[in-house]
Amino acid sequence: MTATPEAEGPPIVTGGDPQQSTILVFDPDGLAKHGELPATWRPLTERYRIIWCRVPADGALTEASELLSDDGGTTAPVYVLASGRATYPVQRLLAEHPDRAEALLLVDPPDDAADQGRVIARSEGGPRDRIPPPLPLGHPDVVAALERAIS
């Protein structure tokens, strides 16, 4: 089986101080494949620890599960952000670790999964969006919606 470009690179990318509250991001598009957080997220590292889980990369969900374990090294509160097709595996993962997340925040989740978390951003797919749904997690509108949701 040939690896897709989205699967290349590290499964987890981190930034920020480990002593700060954690934002655990589950990215279905595999951004940050060069080992750096997307530029739009870097300013958040001054206030939060960002753990970017590149879902298409081998071992990403296993490593995320370890991070959510009681001794996994995340600092509370832990905010979990998932998008699009990553919503289902994240919901299963959080069911295995029910008390670890302060909130499940969703971007363009499938309609039948939207009630399992708080939808903070949704692409309408119109001319203003310029890109079809789901919004990529590196999009500035996603970062702004996240900051509003956790402040």
N, C-alpha and C. Protein backbone atom coordinates (compact mmCIF):
# COMPACT_ATOMS: atom_id res chain seq x y z
N MET A 1 0.84 -1.18 0.00
CA MET A 1 0.00 0.00 0.00
C MET A 1 0.88 1.24 0.00
N THR A 2 0.61 2.18 -0.87
CA THR A 2 1.39 3.39 -1.00
C THR A 2 0.88 4.45 -0.02
N ALA A 3 1.80 5.10 0.68
CA ALA A 3 1.42 6.15 1.62
C ALA A 3 0.96 7.38 0.84
N THR A 4 -0.03 8.06 1.38
CA THR A 4 -0.51 9.29 0.78
C THR A 4 0.35 10.45 1.27
N PRO A 5 0.39 11.55 0.55
CA PRO A 5 1.18 12.70 1.03
C PRO A 5 0.75 13.17 2.42
N GLU A 6 -0.54 13.06 2.73
CA GLU A 6 -1.04 13.48 4.04
C GLU A 6 -0.47 12.64 5.17
N ALA A 7 -0.10 11.39 4.87
CA ALA A 7 0.40 10.48 5.90
C ALA A 7 1.88 10.66 6.17
N GLU A 8 2.58 11.35 5.29
CA GLU A 8 4.01 11.56 5.48
C GLU A 8 4.24 12.52 6.64
N GLY A 9 5.35 12.35 7.32
CA GLY A 9 5.69 13.24 8.42
C GLY A 9 5.34 12.65 9.77
N PRO A 10 5.57 13.42 10.84
CA PRO A 10 5.37 12.90 12.18
C PRO A 10 3.88 12.76 12.51
N PRO A 11 3.52 11.80 13.37
CA PRO A 11 2.12 11.65 13.75
C PRO A 11 1.63 12.76 14.67
N ILE A 12 2.53 13.30 15.48
CA ILE A 12 2.18 14.35 16.45
C ILE A 12 3.19 15.49 16.32
N VAL A 13 2.67 16.73 16.34
CA VAL A 13 3.50 17.92 16.33
C VAL A 13 3.07 18.76 17.53
N THR A 14 4.04 19.27 18.28
CA THR A 14 3.69 20.04 19.48
C THR A 14 4.32 21.42 19.45
N GLY A 15 3.73 22.30 20.23
CA GLY A 15 4.26 23.64 20.42
C GLY A 15 3.74 24.19 21.73
N GLY A 16 4.45 25.14 22.30
CA GLY A 16 4.03 25.78 23.53
C GLY A 16 4.59 25.10 24.77
N ASP A 17 4.28 25.70 25.90
CA ASP A 17 4.79 25.27 27.19
C ASP A 17 3.96 24.09 27.73
N PRO A 18 4.61 22.97 28.06
CA PRO A 18 3.88 21.81 28.59
C PRO A 18 3.13 22.09 29.89
N GLN A 19 3.44 23.18 30.58
CA GLN A 19 2.76 23.52 31.82
C GLN A 19 1.44 24.28 31.59
N GLN A 20 1.21 24.69 30.36
CA GLN A 20 -0.02 25.43 30.02
C GLN A 20 -1.15 24.46 29.69
N SER A 21 -2.38 24.97 29.72
CA SER A 21 -3.54 24.18 29.29
C SER A 21 -3.28 23.62 27.91
N THR A 22 -3.87 22.47 27.63
CA THR A 22 -3.60 21.76 26.38
C THR A 22 -4.75 21.89 25.40
N ILE A 23 -4.40 22.13 24.14
CA ILE A 23 -5.36 22.02 23.04
C ILE A 23 -4.88 20.84 22.20
N LEU A 24 -5.67 19.81 22.15
CA LEU A 24 -5.35 18.59 21.40
C LEU A 24 -6.16 18.63 20.11
N VAL A 25 -5.47 18.79 19.00
CA VAL A 25 -6.08 18.99 17.69
C VAL A 25 -5.99 17.69 16.88
N PHE A 26 -7.12 17.25 16.34
CA PHE A 26 -7.15 16.07 15.48
C PHE A 26 -7.44 16.53 14.06
N ASP A 27 -6.39 16.51 13.25
CA ASP A 27 -6.45 17.06 11.90
C ASP A 27 -6.60 15.95 10.86
N PRO A 28 -7.75 15.87 10.18
CA PRO A 28 -7.94 14.83 9.18
C PRO A 28 -7.15 15.06 7.90
N ASP A 29 -6.64 16.29 7.71
CA ASP A 29 -5.93 16.62 6.48
C ASP A 29 -4.42 16.43 6.57
N GLY A 30 -3.92 16.18 7.76
CA GLY A 30 -2.49 15.93 7.91
C GLY A 30 -1.61 17.15 7.73
N LEU A 31 -2.12 18.35 8.08
CA LEU A 31 -1.28 19.54 8.04
C LEU A 31 -0.12 19.35 9.01
N ALA A 32 0.84 20.19 8.97
CA ALA A 32 2.02 20.17 9.86
C ALA A 32 2.93 18.99 9.58
N LYS A 33 2.94 18.51 8.35
CA LYS A 33 3.75 17.32 8.06
C LYS A 33 5.25 17.60 8.11
N HIS A 34 5.64 18.86 8.15
CA HIS A 34 7.06 19.19 8.23
C HIS A 34 7.50 19.42 9.68
N GLY A 35 6.65 19.08 10.62
CA GLY A 35 7.01 19.14 12.03
C GLY A 35 6.79 20.48 12.70
N GLU A 36 6.11 21.39 12.04
CA GLU A 36 5.80 22.70 12.63
C GLU A 36 4.29 22.92 12.59
N LEU A 37 3.79 23.58 13.62
CA LEU A 37 2.37 23.93 13.64
C LEU A 37 2.09 24.89 12.49
N PRO A 38 0.84 24.88 11.97
CA PRO A 38 0.49 25.88 10.96
C PRO A 38 0.73 27.29 11.50
N ALA A 39 1.11 28.19 10.64
CA ALA A 39 1.46 29.56 11.05
C ALA A 39 0.34 30.24 11.82
N THR A 40 -0.91 29.98 11.45
CA THR A 40 -2.03 30.63 12.13
C THR A 40 -2.16 30.18 13.59
N TRP A 41 -1.58 29.03 13.93
CA TRP A 41 -1.67 28.49 15.29
C TRP A 41 -0.50 28.90 16.17
N ARG A 42 0.58 29.31 15.61
CA ARG A 42 1.80 29.59 16.40
C ARG A 42 1.60 30.64 17.47
N PRO A 43 0.83 31.72 17.25
CA PRO A 43 0.63 32.68 18.34
C PRO A 43 -0.05 32.07 19.57
N LEU A 44 -0.84 31.03 19.39
CA LEU A 44 -1.51 30.39 20.52
C LEU A 44 -0.52 29.71 21.46
N THR A 45 0.68 29.39 20.97
CA THR A 45 1.64 28.69 21.81
C THR A 45 2.17 29.56 22.95
N GLU A 46 1.88 30.85 22.91
CA GLU A 46 2.26 31.71 24.03
C GLU A 46 1.36 31.48 25.24
N ARG A 47 0.16 30.94 25.02
CA ARG A 47 -0.80 30.74 26.11
C ARG A 47 -1.22 29.30 26.32
N TYR A 48 -0.96 28.43 25.35
CA TYR A 48 -1.42 27.05 25.42
C TYR A 48 -0.34 26.10 24.94
N ARG A 49 -0.45 24.87 25.37
CA ARG A 49 0.34 23.81 24.74
C ARG A 49 -0.53 23.25 23.64
N ILE A 50 -0.03 23.23 22.43
CA ILE A 50 -0.77 22.70 21.28
C ILE A 50 -0.17 21.34 20.93
N ILE A 51 -1.04 20.34 20.85
CA ILE A 51 -0.64 19.02 20.39
C ILE A 51 -1.46 18.74 19.14
N TRP A 52 -0.77 18.69 18.00
CA TRP A 52 -1.42 18.55 16.70
C TRP A 52 -1.31 17.09 16.28
N CYS A 53 -2.42 16.40 16.30
CA CYS A 53 -2.47 14.98 15.93
C CYS A 53 -2.82 14.88 14.45
N ARG A 54 -1.86 14.43 13.67
CA ARG A 54 -2.03 14.32 12.22
C ARG A 54 -2.68 12.97 11.92
N VAL A 55 -4.00 12.92 11.93
CA VAL A 55 -4.77 11.68 11.87
C VAL A 55 -4.33 10.74 10.74
N PRO A 56 -4.00 11.23 9.53
CA PRO A 56 -3.60 10.27 8.48
C PRO A 56 -2.26 9.59 8.74
N ALA A 57 -1.43 10.13 9.62
CA ALA A 57 -0.10 9.58 9.86
C ALA A 57 -0.19 8.32 10.72
N ASP A 58 0.63 7.34 10.40
CA ASP A 58 0.67 6.09 11.16
C ASP A 58 0.93 6.34 12.64
N GLY A 59 0.10 5.77 13.49
CA GLY A 59 0.31 5.84 14.93
C GLY A 59 -0.24 7.08 15.60
N ALA A 60 -0.84 7.99 14.85
CA ALA A 60 -1.31 9.25 15.43
C ALA A 60 -2.38 9.03 16.50
N LEU A 61 -3.38 8.21 16.20
CA LEU A 61 -4.45 8.00 17.17
C LEU A 61 -3.96 7.21 18.38
N THR A 62 -3.01 6.30 18.19
CA THR A 62 -2.44 5.56 19.31
C THR A 62 -1.68 6.50 20.23
N GLU A 63 -0.88 7.39 19.66
CA GLU A 63 -0.15 8.36 20.47
C GLU A 63 -1.12 9.30 21.18
N ALA A 64 -2.19 9.71 20.52
CA ALA A 64 -3.17 10.58 21.15
C ALA A 64 -3.85 9.88 22.32
N SER A 65 -4.14 8.60 22.17
CA SER A 65 -4.73 7.83 23.27
C SER A 65 -3.79 7.80 24.47
N GLU A 66 -2.50 7.63 24.21
CA GLU A 66 -1.51 7.63 25.29
C GLU A 66 -1.47 9.00 25.97
N LEU A 67 -1.57 10.07 25.18
CA LEU A 67 -1.58 11.42 25.75
C LEU A 67 -2.80 11.65 26.64
N LEU A 68 -3.91 11.03 26.29
CA LEU A 68 -5.14 11.19 27.08
C LEU A 68 -5.20 10.28 28.30
N SER A 69 -4.28 9.34 28.40
CA SER A 69 -4.29 8.47 29.58
C SER A 69 -3.96 9.30 30.81
N ASP A 70 -4.24 8.76 31.97
CA ASP A 70 -4.07 9.51 33.22
C ASP A 70 -2.67 10.07 33.40
N ASP A 71 -1.66 9.38 32.92
CA ASP A 71 -0.29 9.85 33.08
C ASP A 71 0.33 10.24 31.73
N GLY A 72 -0.51 10.67 30.80
CA GLY A 72 -0.04 10.95 29.45
C GLY A 72 0.70 12.26 29.25
N GLY A 73 0.67 13.12 30.25
CA GLY A 73 1.45 14.34 30.14
C GLY A 73 0.70 15.56 29.64
N THR A 74 -0.60 15.49 29.48
CA THR A 74 -1.34 16.69 29.10
C THR A 74 -1.66 17.47 30.37
N THR A 75 -1.75 18.78 30.24
CA THR A 75 -2.05 19.64 31.38
C THR A 75 -3.49 20.11 31.25
N ALA A 76 -4.27 19.91 32.31
CA ALA A 76 -5.67 20.31 32.33
C ALA A 76 -5.79 21.83 32.39
N PRO A 77 -6.85 22.38 31.86
CA PRO A 77 -7.87 21.67 31.10
C PRO A 77 -7.37 21.30 29.71
N VAL A 78 -7.93 20.20 29.18
CA VAL A 78 -7.59 19.72 27.85
C VAL A 78 -8.79 19.99 26.94
N TYR A 79 -8.57 20.82 25.94
CA TYR A 79 -9.60 21.10 24.94
C TYR A 79 -9.28 20.26 23.72
N VAL A 80 -10.28 19.54 23.22
CA VAL A 80 -10.08 18.68 22.06
C VAL A 80 -10.81 19.29 20.87
N LEU A 81 -10.11 19.42 19.76
CA LEU A 81 -10.67 19.98 18.54
C LEU A 81 -10.59 18.93 17.44
N ALA A 82 -11.72 18.68 16.79
CA ALA A 82 -11.75 17.71 15.70
C ALA A 82 -12.52 18.32 14.53
N SER A 83 -12.22 17.81 13.34
CA SER A 83 -12.83 18.32 12.14
C SER A 83 -13.27 17.20 11.22
N GLY A 84 -14.36 17.44 10.50
CA GLY A 84 -14.79 16.54 9.44
C GLY A 84 -14.74 15.08 9.81
N ARG A 85 -14.08 14.29 8.97
CA ARG A 85 -14.06 12.84 9.14
C ARG A 85 -13.27 12.37 10.36
N ALA A 86 -12.51 13.25 10.99
CA ALA A 86 -11.80 12.88 12.21
C ALA A 86 -12.73 12.85 13.41
N THR A 87 -13.93 13.37 13.26
CA THR A 87 -14.86 13.45 14.40
C THR A 87 -15.18 12.08 14.97
N TYR A 88 -15.48 11.10 14.14
CA TYR A 88 -15.86 9.77 14.65
C TYR A 88 -14.75 9.09 15.46
N PRO A 89 -13.51 9.00 14.94
CA PRO A 89 -12.49 8.35 15.76
C PRO A 89 -12.19 9.13 17.04
N VAL A 90 -12.32 10.44 17.02
CA VAL A 90 -12.08 11.23 18.23
C VAL A 90 -13.17 10.95 19.25
N GLN A 91 -14.41 10.86 18.81
CA GLN A 91 -15.49 10.53 19.75
C GLN A 91 -15.26 9.16 20.39
N ARG A 92 -14.80 8.18 19.61
CA ARG A 92 -14.50 6.86 20.18
C ARG A 92 -13.34 6.95 21.17
N LEU A 93 -12.33 7.72 20.83
CA LEU A 93 -11.18 7.90 21.70
C LEU A 93 -11.58 8.55 23.02
N LEU A 94 -12.41 9.57 22.96
CA LEU A 94 -12.86 10.24 24.18
C LEU A 94 -13.77 9.35 25.01
N ALA A 95 -14.48 8.43 24.39
CA ALA A 95 -15.29 7.48 25.15
C ALA A 95 -14.40 6.56 25.99
N GLU A 96 -13.19 6.30 25.50
CA GLU A 96 -12.22 5.49 26.25
C GLU A 96 -11.58 6.28 27.39
N HIS A 97 -11.61 7.60 27.30
CA HIS A 97 -11.01 8.49 28.30
C HIS A 97 -12.05 9.56 28.67
N PRO A 98 -13.15 9.15 29.30
CA PRO A 98 -14.30 10.05 29.45
C PRO A 98 -14.09 11.31 30.29
N ASP A 99 -13.14 11.31 31.18
CA ASP A 99 -12.98 12.48 32.05
C ASP A 99 -11.77 13.33 31.72
N ARG A 100 -11.16 13.13 30.58
CA ARG A 100 -9.92 13.82 30.26
C ARG A 100 -10.12 15.13 29.50
N ALA A 101 -11.21 15.28 28.79
CA ALA A 101 -11.40 16.48 27.97
C ALA A 101 -12.35 17.45 28.64
N GLU A 102 -11.94 18.70 28.68
CA GLU A 102 -12.80 19.77 29.17
C GLU A 102 -13.96 19.99 28.20
N ALA A 103 -13.65 19.91 26.90
CA ALA A 103 -14.66 20.12 25.87
C ALA A 103 -14.21 19.48 24.57
N LEU A 104 -15.19 18.98 23.81
CA LEU A 104 -14.95 18.53 22.45
C LEU A 104 -15.50 19.62 21.54
N LEU A 105 -14.61 20.26 20.80
CA LEU A 105 -14.97 21.35 19.91
C LEU A 105 -14.87 20.84 18.48
N LEU A 106 -15.87 21.15 17.67
CA LEU A 106 -15.96 20.56 16.33
C LEU A 106 -15.99 21.62 15.24
N VAL A 107 -15.34 21.28 14.14
CA VAL A 107 -15.35 22.11 12.93
C VAL A 107 -15.92 21.26 11.81
N ASP A 108 -17.00 21.72 11.22
CA ASP A 108 -17.64 21.01 10.10
C ASP A 108 -17.77 19.51 10.37
N PRO A 109 -18.39 19.12 11.49
CA PRO A 109 -18.56 17.69 11.74
C PRO A 109 -19.65 17.10 10.85
N PRO A 110 -19.64 15.78 10.67
CA PRO A 110 -20.78 15.16 9.98
C PRO A 110 -22.06 15.48 10.76
N ASP A 111 -23.17 15.64 10.07
CA ASP A 111 -24.42 16.03 10.72
C ASP A 111 -24.82 15.10 11.86
N ASP A 112 -24.60 13.81 11.69
CA ASP A 112 -25.03 12.87 12.72
C ASP A 112 -24.07 12.81 13.91
N ALA A 113 -22.98 13.57 13.88
CA ALA A 113 -22.02 13.59 14.98
C ALA A 113 -21.98 14.94 15.70
N ALA A 114 -22.71 15.92 15.19
CA ALA A 114 -22.63 17.28 15.72
C ALA A 114 -23.13 17.40 17.15
N ASP A 115 -24.03 16.52 17.57
CA ASP A 115 -24.58 16.64 18.92
C ASP A 115 -23.66 16.06 20.00
N GLN A 116 -22.52 15.50 19.60
CA GLN A 116 -21.59 14.90 20.55
C GLN A 116 -20.50 15.87 20.99
N GLY A 117 -20.60 17.12 20.58
CA GLY A 117 -19.63 18.14 20.95
C GLY A 117 -20.20 19.50 20.64
N ARG A 118 -19.38 20.52 20.76
CA ARG A 118 -19.83 21.89 20.48
C ARG A 118 -19.25 22.32 19.13
N VAL A 119 -20.13 22.61 18.19
CA VAL A 119 -19.70 23.07 16.86
C VAL A 119 -19.29 24.53 16.98
N ILE A 120 -18.02 24.82 16.68
CA ILE A 120 -17.52 26.19 16.80
C ILE A 120 -17.34 26.88 15.46
N ALA A 121 -17.25 26.10 14.38
CA ALA A 121 -17.08 26.69 13.05
C ALA A 121 -17.68 25.75 12.01
N ARG A 122 -18.32 26.35 11.06
CA ARG A 122 -18.93 25.57 9.99
C ARG A 122 -18.81 26.35 8.70
N SER A 123 -18.35 25.69 7.67
CA SER A 123 -18.26 26.30 6.36
C SER A 123 -19.61 26.18 5.68
N GLU A 124 -20.06 27.26 5.11
CA GLU A 124 -21.32 27.21 4.38
C GLU A 124 -21.11 26.88 2.92
N GLY A 125 -19.86 26.92 2.46
CA GLY A 125 -19.56 26.57 1.09
C GLY A 125 -19.89 27.62 0.06
N GLY A 126 -20.21 28.82 0.49
CA GLY A 126 -20.56 29.89 -0.44
C GLY A 126 -19.33 30.62 -0.95
N PRO A 127 -19.55 31.70 -1.72
CA PRO A 127 -18.43 32.43 -2.31
C PRO A 127 -17.51 33.06 -1.26
N ARG A 128 -18.02 33.40 -0.07
CA ARG A 128 -17.18 33.97 0.97
C ARG A 128 -16.15 32.95 1.47
N ASP A 129 -16.52 31.69 1.49
CA ASP A 129 -15.62 30.65 2.01
C ASP A 129 -14.42 30.41 1.11
N ARG A 130 -14.58 30.55 -0.17
CA ARG A 130 -13.53 30.33 -1.15
C ARG A 130 -13.01 28.89 -1.21
N ILE A 131 -13.35 28.07 -0.24
CA ILE A 131 -12.96 26.66 -0.23
C ILE A 131 -14.16 25.84 0.19
N PRO A 132 -14.27 24.63 -0.33
CA PRO A 132 -15.41 23.80 0.06
C PRO A 132 -15.23 23.27 1.48
N PRO A 133 -16.34 22.92 2.17
CA PRO A 133 -16.23 22.33 3.50
C PRO A 133 -15.52 20.98 3.44
N PRO A 134 -14.88 20.56 4.46
CA PRO A 134 -14.74 21.24 5.75
C PRO A 134 -13.60 22.26 5.72
N LEU A 135 -13.74 23.26 6.58
CA LEU A 135 -12.67 24.24 6.72
C LEU A 135 -11.41 23.53 7.19
N PRO A 136 -10.26 23.83 6.61
CA PRO A 136 -9.02 23.25 7.15
C PRO A 136 -8.75 23.86 8.52
N LEU A 137 -8.18 23.08 9.42
CA LEU A 137 -7.95 23.55 10.77
C LEU A 137 -6.94 24.68 10.85
N GLY A 138 -6.15 24.88 9.82
CA GLY A 138 -5.23 26.00 9.78
C GLY A 138 -5.87 27.31 9.35
N HIS A 139 -7.14 27.28 8.99
CA HIS A 139 -7.85 28.47 8.52
C HIS A 139 -7.98 29.48 9.66
N PRO A 140 -7.74 30.77 9.41
CA PRO A 140 -7.84 31.78 10.47
C PRO A 140 -9.20 31.82 11.16
N ASP A 141 -10.30 31.53 10.43
CA ASP A 141 -11.62 31.51 11.05
C ASP A 141 -11.73 30.42 12.11
N VAL A 142 -11.04 29.30 11.90
CA VAL A 142 -11.05 28.21 12.88
C VAL A 142 -10.31 28.64 14.15
N VAL A 143 -9.16 29.26 13.97
CA VAL A 143 -8.37 29.72 15.11
C VAL A 143 -9.16 30.75 15.92
N ALA A 144 -9.80 31.69 15.24
CA ALA A 144 -10.59 32.70 15.93
C ALA A 144 -11.76 32.08 16.67
N ALA A 145 -12.45 31.13 16.06
CA ALA A 145 -13.57 30.45 16.71
C ALA A 145 -13.11 29.65 17.92
N LEU A 146 -11.97 29.01 17.81
CA LEU A 146 -11.41 28.27 18.95
C LEU A 146 -11.11 29.21 20.11
N GLU A 147 -10.46 30.33 19.81
CA GLU A 147 -10.14 31.28 20.89
C GLU A 147 -11.40 31.79 21.58
N ARG A 148 -12.46 32.06 20.82
CA ARG A 148 -13.71 32.49 21.43
C ARG A 148 -14.30 31.39 22.30
N ALA A 149 -14.20 30.16 21.84
CA ALA A 149 -14.82 29.03 22.55
C ALA A 149 -14.13 28.72 23.88
N ILE A 150 -12.82 28.92 23.96
CA ILE A 150 -12.13 28.53 25.19
C ILE A 150 -11.79 29.71 26.10
N SER A 151 -12.09 30.92 25.66
CA SER A 151 -11.76 32.08 26.51
C SER A 151 -12.86 32.31 27.53
